[in-house]
C-alpha cells in the first residue's frame, strides 16, 4: 500500500506552494492513499549543521519524528519555490540536518562509494518560480532541480524522482493557478 509524505518547504503557509501541497494531499485522500503533509515552518529545529559532519548534532524531537515518517513512507513529495536558483534556506537546512550519514547514506570504508540507505522509495519534486522554464533550463542549467534530484534524493537511493515545475507564478492568472492546482491534485490521486 502506498504511503506518501508531503513536505512543504515554503516558510509561508499562505503561499502558492502551500496550496499546491494541500492539493496533492487532497488528491491522495480522494483515492484513499495514506498520506500526510508536513509544513517545515511548523517544526522546531535549528537549520544549521553547526559542526558539519565532524561531530553529530543532537536531533530535535520534530526532526526525529519526521525521520520516522520519511522511513515509513514509500513516496516523498517535496513542494517549494525556487529562490535564487535553488531551494529556500528552510528546506536546505532541513536536508542538512536530517539527511545524514548512517541515516540516508553511509560511506564505505576505504572506498569512494557509499551505501544508499533510502532505496525502494520514489519522489516527486513540485516547484514554483517566476523565471520562465526555458531560461531556467537553458541559461541556469536547472541548479535547484539537479541539486535536489541528483545531489540529495538519488544520492540516497530514491528513484525515480519526477519533477513538476509551475512558472511563471508572478504573472500567472487565477485560472492558470487553478489549472496547476488541479494538475497537482491529479498527481496526488495517482500517487505520483
N, C-alpha and C. Protein backbone atom coordinates (compact mmCIF):
# COMPACT_ATOMS: atom_id res chain seq x y z
N UNK A 1 0.84 -1.19 0.00
CA UNK A 1 0.00 0.00 0.00
C UNK A 1 0.88 1.25 0.00
N UNK A 2 0.47 2.22 -0.78
CA UNK A 2 1.24 3.45 -0.90
C UNK A 2 1.12 4.29 0.37
N UNK A 3 2.24 4.85 0.80
CA UNK A 3 2.29 5.73 1.96
C UNK A 3 3.10 6.95 1.54
N UNK A 4 2.44 8.10 1.46
CA UNK A 4 3.06 9.30 0.91
C UNK A 4 3.29 10.34 2.01
N UNK A 5 4.48 10.91 2.01
CA UNK A 5 4.80 12.03 2.90
C UNK A 5 5.04 13.25 2.02
N UNK A 6 4.26 14.30 2.26
CA UNK A 6 4.38 15.55 1.51
C UNK A 6 5.09 16.55 2.42
N UNK A 7 6.17 17.14 1.93
CA UNK A 7 6.96 18.08 2.71
C UNK A 7 6.91 19.44 2.02
N UNK A 8 6.25 20.40 2.67
CA UNK A 8 6.17 21.76 2.15
C UNK A 8 7.35 22.55 2.70
N UNK A 9 8.26 22.95 1.79
CA UNK A 9 9.46 23.66 2.18
C UNK A 9 9.36 25.17 2.11
N UNK A 10 8.16 25.69 1.83
CA UNK A 10 7.98 27.16 1.79
C UNK A 10 7.73 27.65 3.22
N UNK A 11 8.43 28.70 3.65
CA UNK A 11 8.24 29.19 5.01
C UNK A 11 6.91 29.90 5.25
N UNK A 12 6.16 30.20 4.21
CA UNK A 12 4.87 30.88 4.34
C UNK A 12 3.74 29.91 4.04
N UNK A 13 2.93 29.60 5.06
CA UNK A 13 1.84 28.63 4.87
C UNK A 13 0.67 29.19 4.06
N UNK A 14 0.75 30.47 3.67
CA UNK A 14 -0.27 31.07 2.82
C UNK A 14 0.21 31.16 1.36
N UNK A 15 1.35 30.56 1.06
CA UNK A 15 1.96 30.66 -0.27
C UNK A 15 1.25 29.74 -1.28
N UNK A 16 1.57 29.97 -2.54
CA UNK A 16 1.05 29.09 -3.59
C UNK A 16 1.66 27.69 -3.45
N UNK A 17 2.90 27.59 -2.99
CA UNK A 17 3.50 26.27 -2.73
C UNK A 17 2.67 25.51 -1.70
N UNK A 18 2.23 26.20 -0.65
CA UNK A 18 1.40 25.56 0.38
C UNK A 18 0.09 25.08 -0.23
N UNK A 19 -0.49 25.89 -1.12
CA UNK A 19 -1.74 25.49 -1.79
C UNK A 19 -1.51 24.25 -2.66
N UNK A 20 -0.36 24.19 -3.34
CA UNK A 20 -0.04 23.01 -4.15
C UNK A 20 0.10 21.77 -3.27
N UNK A 21 0.76 21.92 -2.13
CA UNK A 21 0.93 20.79 -1.21
C UNK A 21 -0.43 20.29 -0.73
N UNK A 22 -1.33 21.21 -0.39
CA UNK A 22 -2.67 20.83 0.05
C UNK A 22 -3.46 20.16 -1.07
N UNK A 23 -3.27 20.61 -2.31
CA UNK A 23 -3.95 19.99 -3.45
C UNK A 23 -3.47 18.56 -3.65
N UNK A 24 -2.18 18.34 -3.51
CA UNK A 24 -1.65 16.99 -3.64
C UNK A 24 -2.25 16.10 -2.54
N UNK A 25 -2.27 16.60 -1.32
CA UNK A 25 -2.83 15.86 -0.19
C UNK A 25 -4.30 15.52 -0.44
N UNK A 26 -5.07 16.49 -0.94
CA UNK A 26 -6.49 16.27 -1.22
C UNK A 26 -6.67 15.19 -2.28
N UNK A 27 -5.83 15.23 -3.32
CA UNK A 27 -5.91 14.21 -4.37
C UNK A 27 -5.62 12.83 -3.83
N UNK A 28 -4.59 12.71 -3.00
CA UNK A 28 -4.26 11.41 -2.41
C UNK A 28 -5.41 10.93 -1.53
N UNK A 29 -6.00 11.84 -0.75
CA UNK A 29 -7.13 11.48 0.12
C UNK A 29 -8.32 11.01 -0.71
N UNK A 30 -8.55 11.67 -1.86
CA UNK A 30 -9.66 11.27 -2.75
C UNK A 30 -9.52 9.83 -3.21
N UNK A 31 -8.29 9.37 -3.34
CA UNK A 31 -8.03 7.99 -3.79
C UNK A 31 -7.83 7.02 -2.64
N UNK A 32 -7.94 7.50 -1.43
CA UNK A 32 -7.77 6.64 -0.27
C UNK A 32 -6.33 6.26 0.01
N UNK A 33 -5.39 7.04 -0.54
CA UNK A 33 -3.97 6.78 -0.32
C UNK A 33 -3.56 7.37 1.02
N UNK A 34 -2.87 6.58 1.82
CA UNK A 34 -2.37 7.08 3.10
C UNK A 34 -1.35 8.17 2.82
N UNK A 35 -1.59 9.36 3.37
CA UNK A 35 -0.69 10.48 3.10
C UNK A 35 -0.73 11.46 4.26
N UNK A 36 0.35 12.21 4.38
CA UNK A 36 0.48 13.21 5.43
C UNK A 36 1.26 14.39 4.89
N UNK A 37 0.88 15.58 5.33
CA UNK A 37 1.55 16.82 4.93
C UNK A 37 2.28 17.41 6.13
N UNK A 38 3.55 17.72 5.93
CA UNK A 38 4.35 18.41 6.95
C UNK A 38 4.76 19.77 6.37
N UNK A 39 4.49 20.82 7.13
CA UNK A 39 4.98 22.16 6.79
C UNK A 39 6.26 22.36 7.60
N UNK A 40 7.38 22.49 6.94
CA UNK A 40 8.64 22.61 7.66
C UNK A 40 8.66 23.78 8.63
N UNK A 41 7.92 24.83 8.31
CA UNK A 41 7.90 26.00 9.18
C UNK A 41 7.28 25.68 10.55
N UNK A 42 6.49 24.61 10.64
CA UNK A 42 5.87 24.21 11.91
C UNK A 42 6.82 23.40 12.80
N UNK A 43 7.92 22.92 12.24
CA UNK A 43 8.85 22.10 13.02
C UNK A 43 9.80 22.99 13.81
N UNK A 44 10.16 22.54 14.99
CA UNK A 44 11.14 23.27 15.78
C UNK A 44 12.49 22.57 15.66
N UNK A 45 13.40 23.22 14.93
CA UNK A 45 14.75 22.70 14.77
C UNK A 45 15.67 23.82 14.32
N UNK A 46 16.95 23.66 14.62
CA UNK A 46 17.97 24.58 14.16
C UNK A 46 18.39 24.12 12.76
N UNK A 47 18.20 24.94 11.73
CA UNK A 47 18.53 24.50 10.38
C UNK A 47 20.03 24.48 10.06
N UNK A 48 20.85 24.88 11.01
CA UNK A 48 22.29 24.95 10.76
C UNK A 48 22.99 23.70 11.28
N UNK A 49 23.72 23.04 10.43
CA UNK A 49 24.53 21.88 10.82
C UNK A 49 25.81 22.44 11.44
N UNK A 50 25.74 22.77 12.71
CA UNK A 50 26.75 23.58 13.38
C UNK A 50 28.16 22.99 13.35
N UNK A 51 28.30 21.70 13.48
CA UNK A 51 29.63 21.09 13.50
C UNK A 51 29.97 20.36 12.20
N UNK A 52 29.19 20.62 11.17
CA UNK A 52 29.39 19.89 9.93
C UNK A 52 29.23 18.40 10.20
N UNK A 53 30.03 17.58 9.56
CA UNK A 53 29.98 16.14 9.79
C UNK A 53 31.04 15.69 10.80
N UNK A 54 31.79 16.65 11.35
CA UNK A 54 32.83 16.32 12.31
C UNK A 54 32.24 15.74 13.59
N UNK A 55 31.13 16.30 14.01
CA UNK A 55 30.52 15.87 15.27
C UNK A 55 29.00 15.90 15.10
N UNK A 56 28.32 14.84 15.48
CA UNK A 56 26.88 14.75 15.32
C UNK A 56 26.17 15.73 16.25
N UNK A 57 25.30 16.54 15.70
CA UNK A 57 24.45 17.44 16.47
C UNK A 57 23.19 16.67 16.83
N UNK A 58 22.80 16.72 18.10
CA UNK A 58 21.58 16.02 18.52
C UNK A 58 20.39 16.49 17.71
N UNK A 59 19.57 15.53 17.28
CA UNK A 59 18.38 15.87 16.52
C UNK A 59 17.23 16.24 17.47
N UNK A 60 16.55 17.31 17.15
CA UNK A 60 15.40 17.74 17.91
C UNK A 60 14.26 16.73 17.73
N UNK A 61 13.32 16.68 18.69
CA UNK A 61 12.19 15.74 18.59
C UNK A 61 11.41 15.83 17.29
N UNK A 62 11.20 17.05 16.77
CA UNK A 62 10.46 17.19 15.50
C UNK A 62 11.22 16.54 14.34
N UNK A 63 12.55 16.66 14.33
CA UNK A 63 13.33 16.02 13.26
C UNK A 63 13.29 14.50 13.40
N UNK A 64 13.39 14.00 14.61
CA UNK A 64 13.33 12.55 14.82
C UNK A 64 11.97 12.00 14.38
N UNK A 65 10.89 12.70 14.73
CA UNK A 65 9.55 12.26 14.34
C UNK A 65 9.40 12.30 12.82
N UNK A 66 9.94 13.33 12.19
CA UNK A 66 9.86 13.44 10.73
C UNK A 66 10.70 12.35 10.07
N UNK A 67 11.85 12.03 10.65
CA UNK A 67 12.67 10.97 10.07
C UNK A 67 11.93 9.63 10.09
N UNK A 68 11.20 9.36 11.16
CA UNK A 68 10.40 8.13 11.22
C UNK A 68 9.36 8.11 10.11
N UNK A 69 8.78 9.26 9.82
CA UNK A 69 7.78 9.36 8.75
C UNK A 69 8.43 9.17 7.38
N UNK A 70 9.62 9.70 7.21
CA UNK A 70 10.35 9.52 5.94
C UNK A 70 10.67 8.04 5.75
N UNK A 71 11.13 7.38 6.81
CA UNK A 71 11.48 5.95 6.71
C UNK A 71 10.27 5.10 6.36
N UNK A 72 9.09 5.43 6.91
CA UNK A 72 7.92 4.59 6.66
C UNK A 72 7.21 4.93 5.35
N UNK A 73 7.47 6.09 4.79
CA UNK A 73 6.86 6.46 3.50
C UNK A 73 7.57 5.73 2.36
N UNK A 74 6.81 5.41 1.33
CA UNK A 74 7.46 4.85 0.14
C UNK A 74 7.47 5.84 -1.02
N UNK A 75 6.80 7.00 -0.84
CA UNK A 75 6.83 8.07 -1.85
C UNK A 75 6.91 9.40 -1.10
N UNK A 76 7.90 10.21 -1.47
CA UNK A 76 8.10 11.52 -0.86
C UNK A 76 7.78 12.60 -1.88
N UNK A 77 7.10 13.63 -1.44
CA UNK A 77 6.76 14.77 -2.30
C UNK A 77 7.31 16.03 -1.64
N UNK A 78 8.19 16.71 -2.33
CA UNK A 78 8.78 17.95 -1.83
C UNK A 78 8.19 19.11 -2.63
N UNK A 79 7.59 20.08 -1.93
CA UNK A 79 6.98 21.23 -2.58
C UNK A 79 7.68 22.48 -2.07
N UNK A 80 8.17 23.31 -2.99
CA UNK A 80 8.90 24.51 -2.57
C UNK A 80 9.10 25.45 -3.76
N UNK A 81 9.38 26.71 -3.47
CA UNK A 81 9.70 27.65 -4.54
C UNK A 81 11.19 27.58 -4.89
N UNK A 82 11.50 27.97 -6.08
CA UNK A 82 12.90 28.15 -6.48
C UNK A 82 13.24 29.61 -6.22
N UNK A 83 14.14 29.82 -5.27
CA UNK A 83 14.61 31.17 -4.94
C UNK A 83 16.11 31.22 -5.20
N UNK A 84 16.56 32.20 -5.93
CA UNK A 84 17.97 32.34 -6.28
C UNK A 84 18.49 31.04 -6.91
N UNK A 85 17.64 30.42 -7.72
CA UNK A 85 18.05 29.25 -8.49
C UNK A 85 17.93 27.92 -7.77
N UNK A 86 17.61 27.92 -6.47
CA UNK A 86 17.60 26.67 -5.72
C UNK A 86 16.56 26.70 -4.59
N UNK A 87 16.72 25.84 -3.59
CA UNK A 87 15.74 25.70 -2.51
C UNK A 87 15.80 26.85 -1.52
N UNK A 88 14.68 27.12 -0.82
CA UNK A 88 14.73 28.09 0.28
C UNK A 88 15.62 27.57 1.40
N UNK A 89 16.15 28.47 2.20
CA UNK A 89 17.06 28.12 3.29
C UNK A 89 16.43 27.12 4.26
N UNK A 90 15.13 27.25 4.52
CA UNK A 90 14.45 26.35 5.43
C UNK A 90 14.56 24.90 4.97
N UNK A 91 14.31 24.65 3.69
CA UNK A 91 14.39 23.29 3.15
C UNK A 91 15.83 22.81 3.12
N UNK A 92 16.74 23.68 2.74
CA UNK A 92 18.16 23.30 2.70
C UNK A 92 18.65 22.94 4.10
N UNK A 93 18.26 23.73 5.10
CA UNK A 93 18.64 23.43 6.48
C UNK A 93 18.05 22.11 6.97
N UNK A 94 16.82 21.82 6.58
CA UNK A 94 16.17 20.56 6.92
C UNK A 94 16.96 19.38 6.34
N UNK A 95 17.36 19.51 5.09
CA UNK A 95 18.14 18.45 4.44
C UNK A 95 19.50 18.30 5.12
N UNK A 96 20.17 19.42 5.37
CA UNK A 96 21.48 19.38 6.04
C UNK A 96 21.39 18.67 7.39
N UNK A 97 20.34 18.95 8.14
CA UNK A 97 20.22 18.40 9.48
C UNK A 97 19.75 16.95 9.53
N UNK A 98 18.98 16.52 8.50
CA UNK A 98 18.32 15.22 8.60
C UNK A 98 18.85 14.16 7.65
N UNK A 99 19.27 14.53 6.47
CA UNK A 99 19.77 13.54 5.50
C UNK A 99 21.26 13.31 5.79
N UNK A 100 21.50 12.58 6.86
CA UNK A 100 22.83 12.43 7.44
C UNK A 100 23.45 11.08 7.14
N UNK A 101 24.79 10.99 7.29
CA UNK A 101 25.45 9.68 7.23
C UNK A 101 24.84 8.76 8.29
N UNK A 102 24.66 7.51 7.93
CA UNK A 102 24.05 6.46 8.75
C UNK A 102 22.54 6.61 8.86
N UNK A 103 21.98 7.69 8.33
CA UNK A 103 20.53 7.85 8.23
C UNK A 103 20.13 7.63 6.77
N UNK A 104 20.61 8.51 5.89
CA UNK A 104 20.22 8.50 4.49
C UNK A 104 21.25 7.83 3.58
N UNK A 105 22.48 7.79 4.04
CA UNK A 105 23.56 7.18 3.26
C UNK A 105 24.67 6.79 4.23
N UNK A 106 25.59 5.96 3.74
CA UNK A 106 26.73 5.59 4.58
C UNK A 106 27.93 5.33 3.68
N UNK A 107 29.00 6.05 3.94
CA UNK A 107 30.21 5.85 3.17
C UNK A 107 30.81 4.49 3.49
N UNK A 108 31.37 3.84 2.46
CA UNK A 108 32.04 2.56 2.66
C UNK A 108 33.50 2.83 3.00
N UNK A 109 33.96 2.21 4.05
CA UNK A 109 35.33 2.45 4.50
C UNK A 109 36.33 2.04 3.42
N UNK A 110 37.29 2.92 3.18
CA UNK A 110 38.34 2.65 2.20
C UNK A 110 37.87 2.72 0.76
N UNK A 111 36.72 3.35 0.52
CA UNK A 111 36.16 3.41 -0.83
C UNK A 111 35.56 4.79 -1.08
N UNK A 112 35.47 5.15 -2.36
CA UNK A 112 34.78 6.39 -2.72
C UNK A 112 33.28 6.14 -2.88
N UNK A 113 32.87 4.90 -2.75
CA UNK A 113 31.46 4.53 -2.90
C UNK A 113 30.72 4.68 -1.57
N UNK A 114 29.41 4.66 -1.66
CA UNK A 114 28.57 4.80 -0.48
C UNK A 114 27.35 3.90 -0.60
N UNK A 115 26.77 3.59 0.54
CA UNK A 115 25.54 2.81 0.60
C UNK A 115 24.36 3.78 0.58
N UNK A 116 23.43 3.53 -0.31
CA UNK A 116 22.23 4.37 -0.42
C UNK A 116 21.16 3.77 0.48
N UNK A 117 20.87 4.42 1.60
CA UNK A 117 20.02 3.84 2.63
C UNK A 117 18.52 4.10 2.43
N UNK A 118 18.16 4.86 1.40
CA UNK A 118 16.74 5.13 1.17
C UNK A 118 16.22 4.47 -0.11
N UNK A 119 16.87 3.39 -0.52
CA UNK A 119 16.42 2.65 -1.71
C UNK A 119 15.00 2.14 -1.50
N UNK A 120 14.27 1.98 -2.59
CA UNK A 120 12.90 1.48 -2.53
C UNK A 120 11.86 2.59 -2.44
N UNK A 121 12.30 3.83 -2.33
CA UNK A 121 11.39 4.97 -2.27
C UNK A 121 11.42 5.71 -3.60
N UNK A 122 10.32 6.38 -3.91
CA UNK A 122 10.24 7.24 -5.08
C UNK A 122 9.95 8.65 -4.60
N UNK A 123 10.06 9.63 -5.50
CA UNK A 123 9.82 11.02 -5.08
C UNK A 123 9.27 11.85 -6.24
N UNK A 124 8.60 12.90 -5.85
CA UNK A 124 8.13 13.94 -6.76
C UNK A 124 8.58 15.27 -6.18
N UNK A 125 9.17 16.10 -7.01
CA UNK A 125 9.54 17.46 -6.64
C UNK A 125 8.55 18.38 -7.34
N UNK A 126 7.89 19.24 -6.58
CA UNK A 126 6.96 20.22 -7.15
C UNK A 126 7.50 21.60 -6.80
N UNK A 127 7.89 22.35 -7.82
CA UNK A 127 8.46 23.67 -7.58
C UNK A 127 7.66 24.76 -8.28
N UNK A 128 7.83 25.96 -7.76
CA UNK A 128 7.29 27.16 -8.40
C UNK A 128 8.45 28.13 -8.59
N UNK A 129 8.29 29.00 -9.56
CA UNK A 129 9.28 30.06 -9.74
C UNK A 129 8.71 31.11 -10.67
N UNK A 130 9.38 32.24 -10.76
CA UNK A 130 8.97 33.30 -11.67
C UNK A 130 9.80 33.32 -12.94
N UNK A 131 10.96 32.69 -12.91
CA UNK A 131 11.81 32.58 -14.09
C UNK A 131 11.13 31.65 -15.09
N UNK A 132 11.05 32.04 -16.36
CA UNK A 132 10.47 31.12 -17.35
C UNK A 132 11.28 29.82 -17.43
N UNK A 133 10.59 28.71 -17.63
CA UNK A 133 11.24 27.39 -17.67
C UNK A 133 12.38 27.34 -18.66
N UNK A 134 12.17 27.86 -19.86
CA UNK A 134 13.20 27.78 -20.89
C UNK A 134 14.48 28.48 -20.42
N UNK A 135 14.33 29.61 -19.72
CA UNK A 135 15.50 30.34 -19.25
C UNK A 135 16.19 29.59 -18.13
N UNK A 136 15.42 29.06 -17.20
CA UNK A 136 15.96 28.28 -16.08
C UNK A 136 16.71 27.05 -16.58
N UNK A 137 16.16 26.39 -17.58
CA UNK A 137 16.77 25.19 -18.15
C UNK A 137 17.99 25.51 -19.00
N UNK A 138 17.86 26.45 -19.90
CA UNK A 138 18.91 26.74 -20.88
C UNK A 138 20.05 27.57 -20.30
N UNK A 139 19.73 28.64 -19.61
CA UNK A 139 20.76 29.56 -19.12
C UNK A 139 21.33 29.12 -17.77
N UNK A 140 20.45 28.81 -16.82
CA UNK A 140 20.90 28.44 -15.47
C UNK A 140 21.24 26.95 -15.33
N UNK A 141 20.78 26.13 -16.25
CA UNK A 141 21.04 24.68 -16.25
C UNK A 141 20.37 23.95 -15.08
N UNK A 142 19.22 24.49 -14.58
CA UNK A 142 18.37 23.83 -13.58
C UNK A 142 19.08 23.48 -12.27
N UNK A 143 19.82 24.39 -11.66
CA UNK A 143 20.60 24.03 -10.46
C UNK A 143 19.75 23.52 -9.30
N UNK A 144 18.60 24.12 -9.05
CA UNK A 144 17.76 23.68 -7.93
C UNK A 144 17.17 22.32 -8.14
N UNK A 145 16.78 22.03 -9.38
CA UNK A 145 16.22 20.72 -9.68
C UNK A 145 17.29 19.64 -9.62
N UNK A 146 18.44 19.93 -10.20
CA UNK A 146 19.51 18.94 -10.23
C UNK A 146 20.07 18.67 -8.83
N UNK A 147 20.26 19.73 -8.03
CA UNK A 147 20.82 19.51 -6.70
C UNK A 147 19.88 18.67 -5.85
N UNK A 148 18.58 18.90 -5.94
CA UNK A 148 17.63 18.13 -5.14
C UNK A 148 17.48 16.70 -5.68
N UNK A 149 17.34 16.58 -6.99
CA UNK A 149 17.13 15.26 -7.59
C UNK A 149 18.38 14.39 -7.47
N UNK A 150 19.48 14.89 -7.99
CA UNK A 150 20.70 14.08 -8.07
C UNK A 150 21.54 14.16 -6.78
N UNK A 151 21.74 15.40 -6.29
CA UNK A 151 22.63 15.60 -5.16
C UNK A 151 22.08 15.17 -3.82
N UNK A 152 20.75 15.07 -3.70
CA UNK A 152 20.15 14.66 -2.43
C UNK A 152 19.41 13.33 -2.59
N UNK A 153 18.31 13.35 -3.34
CA UNK A 153 17.41 12.19 -3.36
C UNK A 153 18.03 10.95 -4.01
N UNK A 154 18.54 11.08 -5.22
CA UNK A 154 19.16 9.92 -5.88
C UNK A 154 20.44 9.50 -5.17
N UNK A 155 21.17 10.44 -4.61
CA UNK A 155 22.38 10.13 -3.84
C UNK A 155 22.04 9.16 -2.70
N UNK A 156 20.84 9.34 -2.13
CA UNK A 156 20.40 8.49 -1.00
C UNK A 156 19.64 7.25 -1.46
N UNK A 157 19.48 7.07 -2.78
CA UNK A 157 18.85 5.86 -3.31
C UNK A 157 17.41 6.01 -3.75
N UNK A 158 16.85 7.20 -3.64
CA UNK A 158 15.45 7.42 -4.03
C UNK A 158 15.37 7.55 -5.54
N UNK A 159 14.59 6.63 -6.17
CA UNK A 159 14.44 6.63 -7.62
C UNK A 159 13.13 5.95 -7.99
N UNK A 160 12.46 6.39 -9.02
CA UNK A 160 12.73 7.60 -9.79
C UNK A 160 12.29 8.84 -9.03
N UNK A 161 12.85 9.97 -9.47
CA UNK A 161 12.48 11.27 -8.95
C UNK A 161 11.92 12.07 -10.12
N UNK A 162 10.65 12.41 -10.04
CA UNK A 162 9.97 13.19 -11.09
C UNK A 162 9.87 14.64 -10.64
N UNK A 163 9.86 15.55 -11.60
CA UNK A 163 9.81 16.98 -11.29
C UNK A 163 8.64 17.63 -12.03
N UNK A 164 7.86 18.41 -11.29
CA UNK A 164 6.82 19.26 -11.87
C UNK A 164 7.15 20.70 -11.48
N UNK A 165 7.24 21.56 -12.46
CA UNK A 165 7.61 22.96 -12.19
C UNK A 165 6.53 23.88 -12.77
N UNK A 166 6.03 24.78 -11.94
CA UNK A 166 4.99 25.70 -12.36
C UNK A 166 5.54 27.12 -12.38
N UNK A 167 5.51 27.71 -13.57
CA UNK A 167 6.14 29.00 -13.79
C UNK A 167 5.55 29.71 -15.00
N UNK A 168 5.60 31.01 -15.07
CA UNK A 168 5.92 31.94 -14.01
C UNK A 168 4.69 32.20 -13.13
N UNK A 169 4.85 32.11 -11.84
CA UNK A 169 3.75 32.30 -10.90
C UNK A 169 3.35 33.77 -10.82
N UNK A 170 4.34 34.63 -10.75
CA UNK A 170 4.09 36.07 -10.55
C UNK A 170 3.12 36.65 -11.57
N UNK A 171 3.25 36.27 -12.80
CA UNK A 171 2.39 36.84 -13.85
C UNK A 171 1.25 35.90 -14.24
N UNK A 172 1.06 34.81 -13.51
CA UNK A 172 0.00 33.85 -13.86
C UNK A 172 -1.37 34.38 -13.48
N UNK A 173 -2.37 33.92 -14.21
CA UNK A 173 -3.74 34.31 -13.94
C UNK A 173 -4.35 33.39 -12.88
N UNK A 174 -5.46 33.80 -12.33
CA UNK A 174 -6.21 32.99 -11.37
C UNK A 174 -6.57 31.65 -12.01
N UNK A 175 -7.00 31.68 -13.26
CA UNK A 175 -7.39 30.46 -13.98
C UNK A 175 -6.19 29.53 -14.17
N UNK A 176 -5.04 30.09 -14.48
CA UNK A 176 -3.83 29.29 -14.68
C UNK A 176 -3.42 28.62 -13.36
N UNK A 177 -3.44 29.37 -12.27
CA UNK A 177 -3.08 28.79 -10.97
C UNK A 177 -4.06 27.69 -10.57
N UNK A 178 -5.34 27.89 -10.85
CA UNK A 178 -6.33 26.84 -10.57
C UNK A 178 -6.07 25.59 -11.39
N UNK A 179 -5.66 25.77 -12.65
CA UNK A 179 -5.33 24.62 -13.51
C UNK A 179 -4.11 23.88 -12.94
N UNK A 180 -3.13 24.62 -12.44
CA UNK A 180 -1.96 23.98 -11.83
C UNK A 180 -2.35 23.21 -10.58
N UNK A 181 -3.22 23.81 -9.75
CA UNK A 181 -3.69 23.12 -8.54
C UNK A 181 -4.41 21.82 -8.89
N UNK A 182 -5.21 21.85 -9.94
CA UNK A 182 -5.93 20.64 -10.38
C UNK A 182 -4.95 19.58 -10.88
N UNK A 183 -3.94 20.02 -11.62
CA UNK A 183 -2.93 19.08 -12.12
C UNK A 183 -2.22 18.37 -10.97
N UNK A 184 -1.89 19.13 -9.92
CA UNK A 184 -1.22 18.54 -8.76
C UNK A 184 -2.17 17.63 -7.99
N UNK A 185 -3.44 18.00 -7.92
CA UNK A 185 -4.42 17.13 -7.27
C UNK A 185 -4.52 15.78 -7.99
N UNK A 186 -4.46 15.81 -9.30
CA UNK A 186 -4.48 14.56 -10.09
C UNK A 186 -3.23 13.74 -9.82
N UNK A 187 -2.07 14.40 -9.68
CA UNK A 187 -0.84 13.67 -9.31
C UNK A 187 -1.04 12.97 -7.97
N UNK A 188 -1.66 13.66 -7.02
CA UNK A 188 -1.95 13.08 -5.72
C UNK A 188 -2.89 11.89 -5.82
N UNK A 189 -3.92 12.01 -6.65
CA UNK A 189 -4.87 10.92 -6.84
C UNK A 189 -4.20 9.67 -7.37
N UNK A 190 -3.21 9.87 -8.22
CA UNK A 190 -2.47 8.74 -8.81
C UNK A 190 -1.28 8.31 -7.97
N UNK A 191 -1.00 9.07 -6.90
CA UNK A 191 0.14 8.75 -6.05
C UNK A 191 1.47 8.87 -6.75
N UNK A 192 1.56 9.84 -7.64
CA UNK A 192 2.79 10.03 -8.42
C UNK A 192 3.54 11.27 -7.99
